[in-house]
Amino acid sequence: MDSKLLARIGAIVFVPIALTMTAIEMARAPEPMREAPASVAETPATDPLLIELRRCQSLGASGASDPDCLRAWAENRRRFLAPGARPAARLADGATPQEN
C-alpha cells in the first residue's frame, strides 16, 4: 500500500473523530470553580510553626544548634506522625519537645 494513501486514510479517520470529540466537549456544561478550603488558605499567615520553620531554614546550618529550631522540627515531626493532634496550641505555649 502506498504511504500517501495510508496517510490520507488516517487523516480521513482522524479529523471526524477529533471534530466529534470537540463538539461533545463544547456541549458540556462548565464545572463550577472550586474554592480552596478556608483553613488551608489561612494556614501560611497564621501558623506559628510554619513561620518558625521558615526562619530556621533561613539560618542554614546554624539552625541545627538553635533550640527554637529544634523545638519547631520536633513539633513538625509530631504533626506529620499524628495528624489528629492540635500542635499549633502546643507550639504557642512553649512546651519543650520530648526527644525520641
N, C-alpha and C. Protein backbone atom coordinates (compact mmCIF):
# COMPACT_ATOMS: atom_id res chain seq x y z
N MET A 1 0.84 -1.17 0.00
CA MET A 1 0.00 0.00 0.00
C MET A 1 0.89 1.24 0.00
N ASP A 2 0.50 2.23 -0.72
CA ASP A 2 1.24 3.48 -0.85
C ASP A 2 1.17 4.27 0.46
N SER A 3 2.28 4.87 0.88
CA SER A 3 2.31 5.61 2.14
C SER A 3 1.44 6.86 2.08
N LYS A 4 1.33 7.50 0.92
CA LYS A 4 0.47 8.68 0.79
C LYS A 4 -1.00 8.29 0.96
N LEU A 5 -1.38 7.15 0.41
CA LEU A 5 -2.76 6.69 0.54
C LEU A 5 -3.05 6.35 2.00
N LEU A 6 -2.11 5.73 2.69
CA LEU A 6 -2.28 5.39 4.09
C LEU A 6 -2.41 6.66 4.95
N ALA A 7 -1.64 7.68 4.65
CA ALA A 7 -1.72 8.96 5.36
C ALA A 7 -3.07 9.62 5.13
N ARG A 8 -3.57 9.56 3.92
CA ARG A 8 -4.89 10.15 3.61
C ARG A 8 -6.00 9.42 4.35
N ILE A 9 -5.93 8.10 4.38
CA ILE A 9 -6.95 7.34 5.10
C ILE A 9 -6.90 7.66 6.58
N GLY A 10 -5.70 7.76 7.13
CA GLY A 10 -5.55 8.13 8.54
C GLY A 10 -6.14 9.50 8.83
N ALA A 11 -5.91 10.47 7.94
CA ALA A 11 -6.46 11.82 8.12
C ALA A 11 -7.97 11.81 8.01
N ILE A 12 -8.50 11.02 7.07
CA ILE A 12 -9.95 10.94 6.89
C ILE A 12 -10.60 10.34 8.13
N VAL A 13 -9.94 9.43 8.80
CA VAL A 13 -10.49 8.83 10.02
C VAL A 13 -10.28 9.75 11.22
N PHE A 14 -9.12 10.38 11.31
CA PHE A 14 -8.78 11.19 12.48
C PHE A 14 -9.60 12.48 12.57
N VAL A 15 -9.76 13.19 11.48
CA VAL A 15 -10.43 14.50 11.51
C VAL A 15 -11.87 14.39 12.01
N PRO A 16 -12.72 13.48 11.50
CA PRO A 16 -14.08 13.40 12.04
C PRO A 16 -14.12 13.01 13.53
N ILE A 17 -13.21 12.14 13.95
CA ILE A 17 -13.18 11.77 15.37
C ILE A 17 -12.82 12.98 16.22
N ALA A 18 -11.83 13.76 15.80
CA ALA A 18 -11.43 14.95 16.54
C ALA A 18 -12.56 15.98 16.57
N LEU A 19 -13.26 16.16 15.46
CA LEU A 19 -14.38 17.10 15.43
C LEU A 19 -15.51 16.64 16.35
N THR A 20 -15.80 15.35 16.37
CA THR A 20 -16.85 14.83 17.24
C THR A 20 -16.48 15.01 18.71
N MET A 21 -15.24 14.72 19.05
CA MET A 21 -14.81 14.89 20.44
C MET A 21 -14.85 16.35 20.85
N THR A 22 -14.49 17.25 19.96
CA THR A 22 -14.54 18.68 20.25
C THR A 22 -15.97 19.14 20.48
N ALA A 23 -16.89 18.68 19.63
CA ALA A 23 -18.30 19.06 19.77
C ALA A 23 -18.87 18.55 21.09
N ILE A 24 -18.53 17.34 21.47
CA ILE A 24 -19.01 16.79 22.74
C ILE A 24 -18.48 17.59 23.92
N GLU A 25 -17.21 17.94 23.88
CA GLU A 25 -16.61 18.70 24.98
C GLU A 25 -17.20 20.11 25.07
N MET A 26 -17.49 20.72 23.94
CA MET A 26 -18.06 22.08 23.96
C MET A 26 -19.51 22.06 24.42
N ALA A 27 -20.21 20.95 24.26
CA ALA A 27 -21.61 20.85 24.67
C ALA A 27 -21.76 20.64 26.17
N ARG A 28 -20.70 20.25 26.84
CA ARG A 28 -20.76 20.04 28.28
C ARG A 28 -20.95 21.35 29.02
N ALA A 29 -21.68 21.27 30.13
CA ALA A 29 -21.84 22.46 30.98
C ALA A 29 -20.52 22.69 31.72
N PRO A 30 -20.10 23.93 31.87
CA PRO A 30 -18.84 24.19 32.58
C PRO A 30 -18.97 23.83 34.06
N GLU A 31 -17.90 23.28 34.60
CA GLU A 31 -17.88 22.92 36.01
C GLU A 31 -17.66 24.18 36.85
N PRO A 32 -18.32 24.26 38.00
CA PRO A 32 -18.10 25.44 38.85
C PRO A 32 -16.68 25.45 39.40
N MET A 33 -16.17 26.65 39.63
CA MET A 33 -14.81 26.81 40.15
C MET A 33 -14.76 26.27 41.58
N ARG A 34 -13.69 25.55 41.89
CA ARG A 34 -13.51 25.06 43.25
C ARG A 34 -12.75 26.10 44.05
N GLU A 35 -13.22 26.31 45.27
CA GLU A 35 -12.53 27.24 46.15
C GLU A 35 -11.66 26.46 47.12
N ALA A 36 -10.54 27.02 47.47
CA ALA A 36 -9.65 26.38 48.42
C ALA A 36 -10.30 26.43 49.80
N PRO A 37 -10.15 25.38 50.59
CA PRO A 37 -10.69 25.41 51.94
C PRO A 37 -10.12 26.59 52.73
N ALA A 38 -10.93 27.17 53.57
CA ALA A 38 -10.52 28.36 54.32
C ALA A 38 -9.32 28.07 55.22
N SER A 39 -9.28 26.89 55.81
CA SER A 39 -8.19 26.59 56.73
C SER A 39 -6.86 26.49 56.00
N VAL A 40 -6.85 25.99 54.77
CA VAL A 40 -5.62 25.90 54.00
C VAL A 40 -5.17 27.28 53.55
N ALA A 41 -6.12 28.13 53.17
CA ALA A 41 -5.78 29.46 52.70
C ALA A 41 -5.21 30.33 53.83
N GLU A 42 -5.66 30.11 55.06
CA GLU A 42 -5.21 30.93 56.18
C GLU A 42 -3.96 30.37 56.86
N THR A 43 -3.61 29.14 56.61
CA THR A 43 -2.53 28.49 57.33
C THR A 43 -1.19 29.21 57.23
N PRO A 44 -0.71 29.61 56.03
CA PRO A 44 0.62 30.22 55.98
C PRO A 44 0.75 31.49 56.80
N ALA A 45 -0.28 32.31 56.87
CA ALA A 45 -0.17 33.59 57.57
C ALA A 45 -0.34 33.43 59.08
N THR A 46 -1.06 32.41 59.53
CA THR A 46 -1.39 32.32 60.94
C THR A 46 -0.67 31.20 61.67
N ASP A 47 -0.01 30.31 60.98
CA ASP A 47 0.60 29.16 61.61
C ASP A 47 1.98 29.53 62.16
N PRO A 48 2.13 29.56 63.49
CA PRO A 48 3.44 29.93 64.05
C PRO A 48 4.52 28.90 63.74
N LEU A 49 4.13 27.64 63.59
CA LEU A 49 5.12 26.61 63.26
C LEU A 49 5.72 26.85 61.89
N LEU A 50 4.88 27.19 60.91
CA LEU A 50 5.38 27.45 59.57
C LEU A 50 6.30 28.66 59.54
N ILE A 51 5.95 29.68 60.29
CA ILE A 51 6.80 30.87 60.36
C ILE A 51 8.16 30.52 60.97
N GLU A 52 8.12 29.72 62.04
CA GLU A 52 9.37 29.32 62.70
C GLU A 52 10.22 28.42 61.80
N LEU A 53 9.59 27.50 61.08
CA LEU A 53 10.33 26.62 60.18
C LEU A 53 10.99 27.41 59.06
N ARG A 54 10.32 28.43 58.56
CA ARG A 54 10.93 29.27 57.52
C ARG A 54 12.11 30.05 58.08
N ARG A 55 11.99 30.52 59.33
CA ARG A 55 13.10 31.23 59.95
C ARG A 55 14.30 30.29 60.11
N CYS A 56 14.02 29.06 60.54
CA CYS A 56 15.10 28.09 60.72
C CYS A 56 15.75 27.73 59.39
N GLN A 57 14.95 27.68 58.35
CA GLN A 57 15.50 27.40 57.03
C GLN A 57 16.45 28.51 56.59
N SER A 58 16.10 29.73 56.93
CA SER A 58 16.96 30.84 56.53
C SER A 58 18.27 30.87 57.33
N LEU A 59 18.30 30.24 58.51
CA LEU A 59 19.51 30.19 59.31
C LEU A 59 20.57 29.26 58.71
N GLY A 60 20.13 28.29 57.96
CA GLY A 60 21.06 27.35 57.35
C GLY A 60 21.58 26.34 58.36
N ALA A 61 22.88 26.07 58.33
CA ALA A 61 23.48 25.05 59.19
C ALA A 61 23.44 25.46 60.67
N SER A 62 23.42 26.74 60.96
CA SER A 62 23.38 27.16 62.36
C SER A 62 22.02 26.88 63.01
N GLY A 63 21.02 26.59 62.20
CA GLY A 63 19.72 26.24 62.76
C GLY A 63 19.73 24.91 63.48
N ALA A 64 20.71 24.06 63.18
CA ALA A 64 20.79 22.75 63.84
C ALA A 64 21.12 22.86 65.31
N SER A 65 21.69 23.97 65.75
CA SER A 65 22.02 24.14 67.17
C SER A 65 21.08 25.12 67.87
N ASP A 66 20.16 25.71 67.13
CA ASP A 66 19.22 26.68 67.71
C ASP A 66 18.10 25.92 68.44
N PRO A 67 17.88 26.19 69.74
CA PRO A 67 16.86 25.45 70.49
C PRO A 67 15.44 25.67 69.96
N ASP A 68 15.14 26.88 69.48
CA ASP A 68 13.81 27.13 68.92
C ASP A 68 13.59 26.31 67.65
N CYS A 69 14.63 26.17 66.85
CA CYS A 69 14.51 25.37 65.63
C CYS A 69 14.35 23.89 65.97
N LEU A 70 15.07 23.43 66.98
CA LEU A 70 14.94 22.03 67.39
C LEU A 70 13.51 21.75 67.86
N ARG A 71 12.95 22.70 68.61
CA ARG A 71 11.58 22.55 69.08
C ARG A 71 10.59 22.57 67.92
N ALA A 72 10.81 23.45 66.94
CA ALA A 72 9.93 23.54 65.79
C ALA A 72 10.00 22.27 64.94
N TRP A 73 11.19 21.72 64.77
CA TRP A 73 11.32 20.48 63.98
C TRP A 73 10.67 19.31 64.69
N ALA A 74 10.80 19.27 66.01
CA ALA A 74 10.14 18.20 66.78
C ALA A 74 8.63 18.32 66.64
N GLU A 75 8.12 19.53 66.68
CA GLU A 75 6.69 19.74 66.53
C GLU A 75 6.23 19.38 65.13
N ASN A 76 7.05 19.68 64.15
CA ASN A 76 6.71 19.33 62.77
C ASN A 76 6.64 17.80 62.62
N ARG A 77 7.58 17.10 63.22
CA ARG A 77 7.53 15.63 63.19
C ARG A 77 6.27 15.12 63.87
N ARG A 78 5.92 15.74 65.00
CA ARG A 78 4.72 15.33 65.71
C ARG A 78 3.47 15.56 64.85
N ARG A 79 3.42 16.68 64.14
CA ARG A 79 2.28 16.94 63.24
C ARG A 79 2.21 15.91 62.13
N PHE A 80 3.35 15.57 61.60
CA PHE A 80 3.38 14.62 60.50
C PHE A 80 2.94 13.23 60.95
N LEU A 81 3.38 12.82 62.12
CA LEU A 81 3.08 11.48 62.59
C LEU A 81 1.74 11.36 63.30
N ALA A 82 1.19 12.45 63.80
CA ALA A 82 -0.10 12.44 64.49
C ALA A 82 -0.96 13.57 63.95
N PRO A 83 -1.58 13.38 62.77
CA PRO A 83 -2.32 14.49 62.16
C PRO A 83 -3.57 14.90 62.93
N GLY A 84 -4.07 14.09 63.87
CA GLY A 84 -5.26 14.48 64.62
C GLY A 84 -4.96 15.35 65.81
N ALA A 85 -3.69 15.55 66.13
CA ALA A 85 -3.32 16.35 67.29
C ALA A 85 -3.53 17.84 67.01
N ARG A 86 -3.45 18.66 68.05
CA ARG A 86 -3.56 20.11 67.91
C ARG A 86 -2.20 20.72 68.20
N PRO A 87 -1.26 20.61 67.25
CA PRO A 87 0.11 21.04 67.53
C PRO A 87 0.31 22.54 67.59
N ALA A 88 -0.53 23.34 66.96
CA ALA A 88 -0.32 24.79 66.97
C ALA A 88 -0.44 25.33 68.39
N ALA A 89 -1.36 24.79 69.16
CA ALA A 89 -1.54 25.26 70.53
C ALA A 89 -0.33 24.86 71.38
N ARG A 90 0.22 23.67 71.14
CA ARG A 90 1.38 23.22 71.93
C ARG A 90 2.61 24.06 71.62
N LEU A 91 2.80 24.44 70.36
CA LEU A 91 3.96 25.24 70.00
C LEU A 91 3.83 26.64 70.56
N ALA A 92 2.62 27.17 70.55
CA ALA A 92 2.41 28.54 71.00
C ALA A 92 2.66 28.69 72.50
N ASP A 93 2.36 27.65 73.30
CA ASP A 93 2.54 27.82 74.73
C ASP A 93 3.97 27.50 75.18
N GLY A 94 4.86 27.15 74.24
CA GLY A 94 6.26 27.00 74.56
C GLY A 94 6.62 25.69 75.22
N ALA A 95 5.85 24.66 75.00
CA ALA A 95 6.18 23.36 75.59
C ALA A 95 7.46 22.83 75.00
N THR A 96 8.27 22.21 75.82
CA THR A 96 9.54 21.66 75.32
C THR A 96 9.26 20.31 74.68
N PRO A 97 9.95 20.01 73.57
CA PRO A 97 9.71 18.75 72.89
C PRO A 97 10.35 17.58 73.63
N GLN A 98 9.72 16.44 73.50
CA GLN A 98 10.30 15.24 74.07
C GLN A 98 11.05 14.53 72.96
N GLU A 99 12.34 14.34 73.16
CA GLU A 99 13.16 13.68 72.14
C GLU A 99 12.95 12.19 72.22
N ASN A 100 12.84 11.55 71.05
CA ASN A 100 12.66 10.10 70.99
C ASN A 100 13.98 9.40 70.83
